N, C-alpha and C. Protein backbone atom coordinates (compact mmCIF):
# COMPACT_ATOMS: atom_id res chain seq x y z
N UNK A 1 98.02 -6.09 56.26
CA UNK A 1 96.76 -6.52 55.83
C UNK A 1 96.40 -7.63 55.35
N UNK A 2 97.55 -8.41 54.65
CA UNK A 2 97.44 -9.53 54.07
C UNK A 2 97.43 -10.73 55.39
N UNK A 3 98.02 -10.36 56.49
CA UNK A 3 98.05 -11.30 57.20
C UNK A 3 96.73 -11.31 58.43
N UNK A 4 96.07 -10.25 58.29
CA UNK A 4 94.93 -10.16 59.20
C UNK A 4 93.98 -10.86 58.15
N UNK A 5 93.63 -10.66 57.05
CA UNK A 5 92.83 -11.31 56.33
C UNK A 5 93.14 -13.17 56.23
N UNK A 6 94.35 -13.09 56.08
CA UNK A 6 94.90 -14.57 56.42
C UNK A 6 94.29 -15.17 57.79
N UNK A 7 94.64 -14.42 58.78
CA UNK A 7 94.30 -14.97 60.09
C UNK A 7 92.75 -15.15 60.35
N UNK A 8 91.93 -14.16 59.77
CA UNK A 8 90.53 -14.29 59.82
C UNK A 8 89.91 -15.58 59.02
N UNK A 9 90.60 -15.79 57.69
CA UNK A 9 90.23 -17.15 56.76
C UNK A 9 90.85 -18.14 57.75
N UNK A 10 91.76 -18.42 58.59
CA UNK A 10 91.98 -19.60 59.34
C UNK A 10 91.10 -19.48 60.27
N UNK A 11 90.77 -18.68 61.07
CA UNK A 11 89.78 -18.76 62.14
C UNK A 11 88.46 -19.17 61.94
N UNK A 12 88.13 -18.62 60.47
CA UNK A 12 86.83 -19.39 59.84
C UNK A 12 86.96 -20.70 59.41
N UNK A 13 87.89 -21.08 59.04
CA UNK A 13 88.10 -22.41 58.45
C UNK A 13 88.36 -23.56 59.74
N UNK A 14 88.82 -23.07 60.72
CA UNK A 14 89.13 -23.90 61.95
C UNK A 14 87.90 -23.86 63.05
N UNK A 15 86.90 -22.81 62.86
CA UNK A 15 85.82 -22.65 63.69
C UNK A 15 86.27 -22.00 64.98
N UNK A 16 87.12 -21.22 64.74
CA UNK A 16 87.41 -20.44 65.99
C UNK A 16 86.58 -19.03 66.17
N UNK A 17 85.63 -18.70 65.27
CA UNK A 17 84.78 -17.65 65.16
C UNK A 17 83.29 -18.39 65.29
N UNK A 18 82.46 -18.06 66.53
CA UNK A 18 81.28 -18.66 66.13
C UNK A 18 80.21 -17.52 65.91
N UNK A 19 79.88 -18.05 64.44
CA UNK A 19 79.06 -17.05 63.69
C UNK A 19 77.59 -17.01 64.26
N UNK A 20 76.75 -15.91 64.18
CA UNK A 20 75.49 -16.00 64.59
C UNK A 20 74.63 -16.75 63.57
N UNK A 21 73.33 -17.32 64.12
CA UNK A 21 72.50 -17.90 63.21
C UNK A 21 71.62 -16.78 62.46
N UNK A 22 70.94 -17.47 61.39
CA UNK A 22 70.15 -16.62 60.77
C UNK A 22 69.34 -15.67 61.44
N UNK A 23 68.67 -16.53 62.21
CA UNK A 23 67.59 -15.83 63.33
C UNK A 23 68.28 -14.89 64.15
N UNK A 24 69.34 -14.72 64.64
CA UNK A 24 70.08 -13.98 65.78
C UNK A 24 70.54 -12.62 64.69
N UNK A 25 71.04 -12.98 63.64
CA UNK A 25 71.26 -11.70 62.61
C UNK A 25 69.72 -11.11 62.18
N UNK A 26 68.64 -11.72 61.79
CA UNK A 26 67.53 -11.17 61.56
C UNK A 26 67.23 -10.40 62.94
N UNK A 27 66.99 -10.79 64.18
CA UNK A 27 66.56 -10.23 65.34
C UNK A 27 67.72 -8.85 65.70
N UNK A 28 68.76 -8.82 65.35
CA UNK A 28 70.04 -7.87 65.44
C UNK A 28 69.21 -6.84 64.47
N UNK A 29 69.06 -7.06 63.18
CA UNK A 29 68.80 -6.25 62.31
C UNK A 29 67.62 -5.42 62.74
N UNK A 30 66.52 -6.14 62.88
CA UNK A 30 65.12 -5.68 63.57
C UNK A 30 65.14 -4.74 64.73
N UNK A 31 66.20 -5.27 65.59
CA UNK A 31 66.06 -4.57 66.98
C UNK A 31 66.87 -2.87 66.38
N UNK A 32 67.93 -2.88 65.59
CA UNK A 32 68.75 -1.75 64.95
C UNK A 32 67.69 -0.97 64.24
N UNK A 33 66.84 -1.59 63.58
CA UNK A 33 65.80 -0.82 62.65
C UNK A 33 64.93 0.06 63.77
N UNK A 34 64.70 -0.85 64.68
CA UNK A 34 63.64 -0.22 65.49
C UNK A 34 64.11 0.99 66.56
N UNK A 35 65.38 0.78 66.89
CA UNK A 35 66.22 1.58 67.63
C UNK A 35 66.38 3.05 66.79
N UNK A 36 66.64 2.88 65.26
CA UNK A 36 66.92 3.86 64.61
C UNK A 36 65.89 4.63 64.31
N UNK A 37 64.45 4.12 64.01
CA UNK A 37 63.24 4.67 63.53
C UNK A 37 62.21 5.19 64.78
N UNK A 38 62.43 4.31 66.05
CA UNK A 38 61.79 4.60 67.29
C UNK A 38 60.31 4.38 66.80
N UNK A 39 60.08 3.20 65.80
CA UNK A 39 58.84 2.73 65.60
C UNK A 39 58.88 1.39 65.81
N UNK A 40 57.73 0.88 65.94
CA UNK A 40 57.56 -0.89 66.29
C UNK A 40 57.53 -1.47 64.79
N UNK A 41 58.28 -2.45 64.69
CA UNK A 41 58.31 -2.90 63.18
C UNK A 41 57.41 -4.35 63.17
N UNK A 42 56.61 -4.18 62.61
CA UNK A 42 55.35 -5.51 62.45
C UNK A 42 55.85 -6.30 61.53
N UNK A 43 56.10 -7.59 62.09
CA UNK A 43 56.41 -8.89 60.92
C UNK A 43 54.99 -9.36 60.83
N UNK A 44 54.66 -9.83 59.35
CA UNK A 44 53.54 -10.30 59.19
C UNK A 44 53.63 -11.87 59.33
N UNK A 45 52.86 -12.26 60.62
CA UNK A 45 52.88 -13.58 61.08
C UNK A 45 51.94 -14.77 60.10
N UNK A 46 51.13 -13.86 59.39
CA UNK A 46 50.33 -14.47 58.32
C UNK A 46 50.58 -14.23 56.76
N UNK A 47 51.69 -14.56 56.28
CA UNK A 47 52.16 -14.13 55.20
C UNK A 47 50.96 -14.56 53.87
N UNK A 48 51.19 -13.65 52.65
CA UNK A 48 50.10 -13.99 51.64
C UNK A 48 50.41 -15.48 51.14
N UNK A 49 49.61 -16.37 50.30
CA UNK A 49 49.58 -17.34 49.77
C UNK A 49 49.32 -17.29 48.46
N UNK A 50 49.74 -18.24 47.50
CA UNK A 50 49.01 -18.19 46.21
C UNK A 50 47.55 -18.07 46.08
N UNK A 51 46.82 -18.85 47.15
CA UNK A 51 45.40 -18.95 47.23
C UNK A 51 44.72 -17.57 47.21
N UNK A 52 45.57 -16.62 47.91
CA UNK A 52 45.02 -15.16 48.17
C UNK A 52 44.75 -14.47 47.07
N UNK A 53 45.57 -14.72 45.86
CA UNK A 53 45.38 -14.02 44.72
C UNK A 53 44.21 -14.64 43.78
N UNK A 54 43.31 -14.12 43.85
CA UNK A 54 42.14 -14.83 42.99
C UNK A 54 42.23 -14.32 41.16
N UNK A 55 43.07 -13.47 41.06
CA UNK A 55 43.36 -12.86 39.34
C UNK A 55 44.35 -12.17 39.32
N UNK A 56 45.08 -12.35 38.59
CA UNK A 56 46.22 -11.76 38.34
C UNK A 56 46.42 -11.52 36.73
N UNK A 57 46.47 -10.31 36.12
CA UNK A 57 46.66 -10.13 34.78
C UNK A 57 47.40 -9.10 34.35
N UNK A 58 48.24 -9.12 33.23
CA UNK A 58 49.02 -7.96 32.76
C UNK A 58 48.59 -7.94 31.26
N UNK A 59 48.43 -6.78 31.03
CA UNK A 59 47.95 -6.07 29.85
C UNK A 59 48.74 -5.01 29.35
N UNK A 60 49.04 -4.64 27.77
CA UNK A 60 50.01 -3.65 27.53
C UNK A 60 48.70 -2.82 26.80
N UNK A 61 49.00 -1.61 26.26
CA UNK A 61 48.26 -0.43 25.85
C UNK A 61 47.74 -1.10 24.17
N UNK A 62 48.92 -1.61 23.61
CA UNK A 62 49.01 -2.00 22.48
C UNK A 62 49.77 -3.24 22.21
N UNK A 63 50.01 -4.01 21.00
CA UNK A 63 50.74 -5.07 20.86
C UNK A 63 52.12 -4.43 20.14
N UNK A 64 52.06 -3.73 19.39
CA UNK A 64 53.27 -3.07 18.46
C UNK A 64 53.45 -1.89 18.82
N UNK A 65 54.88 -1.85 19.20
CA UNK A 65 55.64 -0.52 19.66
C UNK A 65 56.81 -0.16 18.55
N UNK A 66 56.94 1.01 18.50
CA UNK A 66 58.10 1.59 17.49
C UNK A 66 59.17 2.49 18.71
N UNK A 67 60.34 2.44 18.33
CA UNK A 67 61.22 3.04 18.99
C UNK A 67 60.68 4.47 19.53
N UNK A 68 60.83 4.72 20.99
CA UNK A 68 60.59 6.03 21.23
C UNK A 68 59.02 6.08 21.57
N UNK A 69 58.16 5.16 21.59
CA UNK A 69 56.95 5.01 22.17
C UNK A 69 56.67 4.63 23.53
N UNK A 70 55.69 5.11 24.25
CA UNK A 70 55.78 4.65 25.47
C UNK A 70 54.74 3.36 25.56
N UNK A 71 55.14 2.43 26.22
CA UNK A 71 53.99 1.22 26.45
C UNK A 71 53.72 1.40 28.05
N UNK A 72 52.49 1.12 28.10
CA UNK A 72 51.67 1.06 29.41
C UNK A 72 51.37 -0.17 29.85
N UNK A 73 51.61 -0.38 30.64
CA UNK A 73 51.50 -2.05 31.39
C UNK A 73 50.39 -1.66 32.57
N UNK A 74 49.39 -2.36 32.48
CA UNK A 74 48.44 -2.40 33.54
C UNK A 74 48.32 -3.68 34.07
N UNK A 75 48.40 -3.69 35.25
CA UNK A 75 48.41 -5.10 35.96
C UNK A 75 47.11 -4.95 37.11
N UNK A 76 46.11 -5.96 36.68
CA UNK A 76 45.17 -6.15 37.70
C UNK A 76 45.06 -7.22 38.42
N UNK A 77 45.05 -7.23 39.77
CA UNK A 77 45.00 -7.92 40.72
C UNK A 77 43.87 -7.89 41.64
N UNK A 78 43.36 -9.16 41.62
CA UNK A 78 42.14 -9.47 42.76
C UNK A 78 42.68 -10.24 43.87
N UNK A 79 42.41 -9.84 44.89
CA UNK A 79 42.99 -10.51 46.03
C UNK A 79 41.90 -10.85 47.22
N UNK A 80 42.02 -12.00 47.75
CA UNK A 80 41.08 -12.54 48.84
C UNK A 80 40.98 -11.71 50.05
N UNK A 81 42.05 -11.11 50.26
CA UNK A 81 42.28 -10.20 51.49
C UNK A 81 43.41 -9.26 51.43
N UNK A 82 43.52 -8.32 52.43
CA UNK A 82 44.42 -7.32 52.33
C UNK A 82 45.84 -8.07 52.52
N UNK A 83 46.84 -7.42 51.75
CA UNK A 83 48.11 -8.01 51.77
C UNK A 83 48.90 -6.72 51.69
N UNK A 84 49.99 -6.54 52.81
CA UNK A 84 50.87 -5.54 53.07
C UNK A 84 52.29 -5.74 52.37
N UNK A 85 52.77 -4.72 51.95
CA UNK A 85 54.30 -5.09 51.30
C UNK A 85 54.49 -6.09 50.57
N UNK A 86 53.34 -6.17 49.66
CA UNK A 86 53.76 -7.18 48.49
C UNK A 86 54.58 -6.33 47.22
N UNK A 87 55.41 -6.98 46.58
CA UNK A 87 56.39 -6.52 45.61
C UNK A 87 55.91 -6.86 44.23
N UNK A 88 55.47 -5.98 43.45
CA UNK A 88 55.19 -6.05 42.07
C UNK A 88 56.33 -5.71 41.12
N UNK A 89 56.70 -6.67 40.32
CA UNK A 89 57.96 -6.68 39.45
C UNK A 89 57.27 -6.74 38.17
N UNK A 90 57.63 -5.78 37.12
CA UNK A 90 57.21 -5.76 35.68
C UNK A 90 58.72 -5.50 34.98
N UNK A 91 58.93 -6.47 34.19
CA UNK A 91 60.11 -6.59 33.36
C UNK A 91 59.92 -7.17 31.98
N UNK A 92 60.78 -6.87 31.21
CA UNK A 92 60.77 -7.39 29.77
C UNK A 92 61.67 -6.44 28.91
N UNK A 93 61.33 -6.93 27.46
CA UNK A 93 61.94 -6.21 26.39
C UNK A 93 63.74 -6.64 26.68
N UNK A 94 63.74 -7.82 26.46
CA UNK A 94 65.37 -8.34 26.86
C UNK A 94 66.34 -7.56 25.23
N UNK A 95 67.54 -7.47 25.87
CA UNK A 95 68.48 -6.97 24.54
C UNK A 95 69.01 -8.13 24.30
N UNK A 96 70.02 -8.00 23.24
CA UNK A 96 71.00 -9.11 22.73
C UNK A 96 71.74 -9.56 23.87
N UNK A 97 72.13 -9.05 24.77
CA UNK A 97 72.89 -9.49 25.95
C UNK A 97 72.26 -10.41 26.77
N UNK A 98 70.92 -10.29 26.77
CA UNK A 98 70.11 -11.18 27.76
C UNK A 98 69.68 -10.59 28.95
N UNK A 99 69.73 -9.24 29.00
CA UNK A 99 69.26 -8.23 30.15
C UNK A 99 67.93 -7.65 29.82
N UNK A 100 67.25 -7.48 31.02
CA UNK A 100 66.02 -6.80 30.55
C UNK A 100 66.17 -5.31 30.40
N UNK A 101 65.69 -4.72 29.52
CA UNK A 101 65.75 -3.30 29.54
C UNK A 101 64.69 -2.57 30.13
N UNK A 102 63.62 -3.33 30.22
CA UNK A 102 62.55 -2.63 31.33
C UNK A 102 62.78 -3.44 32.60
N UNK A 103 62.77 -2.79 33.43
CA UNK A 103 62.80 -3.57 34.98
C UNK A 103 62.28 -2.57 35.86
N UNK A 104 61.02 -2.55 36.16
CA UNK A 104 60.25 -1.73 37.24
C UNK A 104 59.75 -2.75 38.34
N UNK A 105 60.24 -1.99 39.34
CA UNK A 105 59.92 -2.56 40.91
C UNK A 105 59.16 -1.70 41.64
N UNK A 106 58.15 -2.15 42.59
CA UNK A 106 57.31 -1.19 43.29
C UNK A 106 56.75 -2.19 44.39
N UNK A 107 56.83 -1.56 45.62
CA UNK A 107 56.14 -2.22 46.67
C UNK A 107 54.67 -1.84 46.54
N UNK A 108 53.87 -2.71 46.75
CA UNK A 108 52.24 -2.28 46.67
C UNK A 108 51.39 -2.86 47.99
N UNK A 109 50.81 -2.19 48.36
CA UNK A 109 49.64 -2.88 49.40
C UNK A 109 48.15 -3.17 48.65
N UNK A 110 47.89 -4.34 48.93
CA UNK A 110 46.69 -4.83 48.07
C UNK A 110 45.48 -4.48 49.14
N UNK A 111 44.33 -4.23 48.65
CA UNK A 111 43.25 -4.48 49.30
C UNK A 111 42.62 -5.54 48.95
N UNK A 112 41.54 -6.04 49.88
CA UNK A 112 40.63 -6.94 49.48
C UNK A 112 39.82 -6.69 48.43
N UNK A 113 39.67 -7.18 47.22
CA UNK A 113 39.28 -7.11 45.81
C UNK A 113 39.97 -6.59 44.86
N UNK A 114 39.50 -5.97 44.17
CA UNK A 114 40.35 -5.37 42.84
C UNK A 114 41.07 -4.20 43.24
N UNK A 115 42.54 -4.55 42.57
CA UNK A 115 43.51 -3.55 42.69
C UNK A 115 44.18 -3.49 41.14
N UNK A 116 44.18 -2.34 40.94
CA UNK A 116 44.81 -2.02 39.35
C UNK A 116 46.21 -1.01 39.52
N UNK A 117 47.23 -1.48 38.90
CA UNK A 117 48.65 -0.60 38.96
C UNK A 117 48.86 -0.55 37.50
N UNK A 118 49.65 0.68 37.27
CA UNK A 118 50.23 0.78 35.86
C UNK A 118 51.74 1.21 36.05
N UNK A 119 52.23 0.88 34.94
CA UNK A 119 53.64 1.02 35.00
C UNK A 119 53.99 1.41 33.47
N UNK A 120 54.71 2.82 33.14
CA UNK A 120 54.81 3.01 31.82
C UNK A 120 56.33 2.64 31.55
N UNK A 121 56.77 2.79 30.52
CA UNK A 121 58.22 2.27 29.66
C UNK A 121 58.39 2.91 28.29
N UNK A 122 59.53 3.87 28.11
CA UNK A 122 59.63 4.20 26.83
C UNK A 122 60.46 3.39 26.01
N UNK A 123 59.86 2.89 25.31
CA UNK A 123 60.85 1.69 24.09
C UNK A 123 62.32 2.75 23.66
N UNK A 124 63.25 2.09 23.93
CA UNK A 124 64.35 2.79 23.49
C UNK A 124 64.65 2.35 21.80
N UNK A 125 65.74 3.19 21.48
CA UNK A 125 65.90 3.12 19.93
C UNK A 125 66.55 1.80 19.76
N UNK A 126 65.99 1.09 18.47
CA UNK A 126 67.02 -0.02 18.45
C UNK A 126 68.40 0.20 17.50
N UNK A 127 69.41 -0.42 18.27
CA UNK A 127 70.70 -0.08 17.83
C UNK A 127 71.59 -1.09 18.71
N UNK A 128 72.77 -1.29 17.98
CA UNK A 128 73.68 -1.89 18.83
C UNK A 128 74.29 -1.63 20.08
N UNK A 129 74.28 -0.12 20.51
CA UNK A 129 74.16 0.33 21.96
C UNK A 129 73.14 -0.38 23.14
N UNK A 130 72.15 -0.34 22.65
CA UNK A 130 71.08 -0.46 23.63
C UNK A 130 71.11 -2.33 23.48
N UNK A 131 71.31 -3.01 22.34
CA UNK A 131 71.15 -4.23 22.19
C UNK A 131 69.68 -4.57 21.98
N UNK A 132 68.90 -3.81 21.54
CA UNK A 132 67.41 -3.81 21.00
C UNK A 132 67.29 -4.12 19.61
N UNK A 133 66.83 -5.11 19.40
CA UNK A 133 66.50 -5.67 18.08
C UNK A 133 65.00 -5.66 17.74
N UNK A 134 64.54 -5.44 16.55
CA UNK A 134 63.13 -5.49 16.30
C UNK A 134 62.74 -7.01 16.38
N UNK A 135 61.38 -6.84 16.59
CA UNK A 135 60.99 -8.37 16.54
C UNK A 135 60.21 -8.63 17.69
N UNK A 136 59.80 -9.96 18.13
CA UNK A 136 58.85 -10.18 18.97
C UNK A 136 59.80 -10.03 20.08
N UNK A 137 59.01 -9.81 21.55
CA UNK A 137 59.59 -9.64 22.58
C UNK A 137 58.29 -9.90 23.72
N UNK A 138 58.59 -10.16 24.79
CA UNK A 138 57.53 -10.31 26.22
C UNK A 138 58.03 -9.34 27.36
N UNK A 139 57.07 -8.97 27.90
CA UNK A 139 56.95 -8.27 29.06
C UNK A 139 56.42 -9.28 30.17
N UNK A 140 56.86 -9.46 31.32
CA UNK A 140 56.00 -10.09 32.38
C UNK A 140 55.89 -9.37 33.71
N UNK A 141 54.96 -9.74 34.29
CA UNK A 141 54.69 -9.05 35.67
C UNK A 141 54.79 -10.18 36.69
N UNK A 142 55.46 -10.11 38.00
CA UNK A 142 55.18 -10.98 39.14
C UNK A 142 55.05 -10.52 40.13
N UNK A 143 54.31 -10.70 40.99
CA UNK A 143 53.59 -10.32 42.46
C UNK A 143 54.46 -11.24 43.35
N UNK A 144 55.20 -10.57 44.55
CA UNK A 144 55.81 -11.32 45.17
C UNK A 144 55.34 -11.00 46.78
N UNK A 145 55.55 -11.82 47.83
CA UNK A 145 55.32 -11.36 49.06
C UNK A 145 56.59 -11.99 49.97
N UNK A 146 57.25 -11.32 50.62
CA UNK A 146 58.49 -11.87 51.13
C UNK A 146 59.51 -12.16 49.81
N UNK A 147 59.84 -13.46 49.74
CA UNK A 147 60.68 -14.10 48.73
C UNK A 147 59.63 -14.80 47.83
N UNK A 148 58.51 -14.99 48.30
CA UNK A 148 57.48 -16.23 47.49
C UNK A 148 56.83 -15.46 46.40
N UNK A 149 56.92 -16.30 45.24
CA UNK A 149 56.21 -15.53 44.05
C UNK A 149 54.67 -15.94 44.29
N UNK A 150 53.70 -15.10 44.25
CA UNK A 150 52.27 -15.46 44.26
C UNK A 150 51.60 -15.63 42.97
N UNK A 151 52.09 -14.70 42.06
CA UNK A 151 51.38 -14.65 40.83
C UNK A 151 52.41 -14.36 39.67
N UNK A 152 52.14 -14.59 38.52
CA UNK A 152 52.84 -14.33 37.39
C UNK A 152 52.08 -14.21 36.00
N UNK A 153 52.33 -13.28 35.17
CA UNK A 153 51.51 -13.41 33.85
C UNK A 153 52.43 -12.54 32.70
N UNK A 154 52.41 -13.15 31.55
CA UNK A 154 53.39 -12.75 30.33
C UNK A 154 52.30 -12.10 29.13
N UNK A 155 52.90 -10.79 28.77
CA UNK A 155 52.53 -10.33 27.38
C UNK A 155 52.96 -10.36 26.42
N UNK A 156 52.96 -10.97 25.22
CA UNK A 156 53.91 -10.57 24.00
C UNK A 156 53.72 -9.10 23.24
N UNK A 157 54.94 -8.64 23.16
CA UNK A 157 54.86 -7.22 22.31
C UNK A 157 55.77 -7.73 21.15
N UNK A 158 55.54 -6.58 20.12
CA UNK A 158 56.34 -6.67 18.82
C UNK A 158 57.08 -4.92 18.80
N UNK A 159 58.36 -5.32 18.83
CA UNK A 159 58.96 -3.82 18.63
C UNK A 159 59.35 -3.90 16.98
N UNK A 160 59.06 -2.88 16.52
CA UNK A 160 59.05 -2.32 15.05
C UNK A 160 60.38 -1.39 15.12
C-alpha cells in the first residue's frame, strides 16, 4: 500500500500523469450529472452582478434576546432582474471559539423587484459548553451567485 502511494506521488512530481484542466473536469461533471438525471443542465451565461441588486437589508425582530428565544431575521432584496440559484447565507452569534453558532444557508431564486426571506434561530443557553457569552453580537446576511458576493448587511444584537 505504501509503495502504491509512493509511486503515485513520484508520478505526480515528475509529471508522468497528465492531469485534466479545470474546464475538462467541469465538463466531465456536467456530463455525468446530465447522464444521471436525464435532464439538460443550464449554465447561466449571464451571471448576476452587484449592480443587479438594488437593495439588500437584514433586520431582526428585536435587538435584545435571552437564551431560548427565537430570533427572526428578515432579508429584503430588491433585484433589477430575475436571478436563479442565488445563495443566501445568514450567520452570526459567534461563540468564544470563533465559530458561528447560527449558520443558515439556502438557495433562492430572485424575481425582478422585491423579494423577502425569513430565517429563524433559537438562541442557545449561555454556557461554557456552547461558548456563548452574554453581550454584544452580530448577525450578517450575504447574497452570493456562484462564488461571487453580491450584497452583505450586518445587524447588531444583544444576548442577555
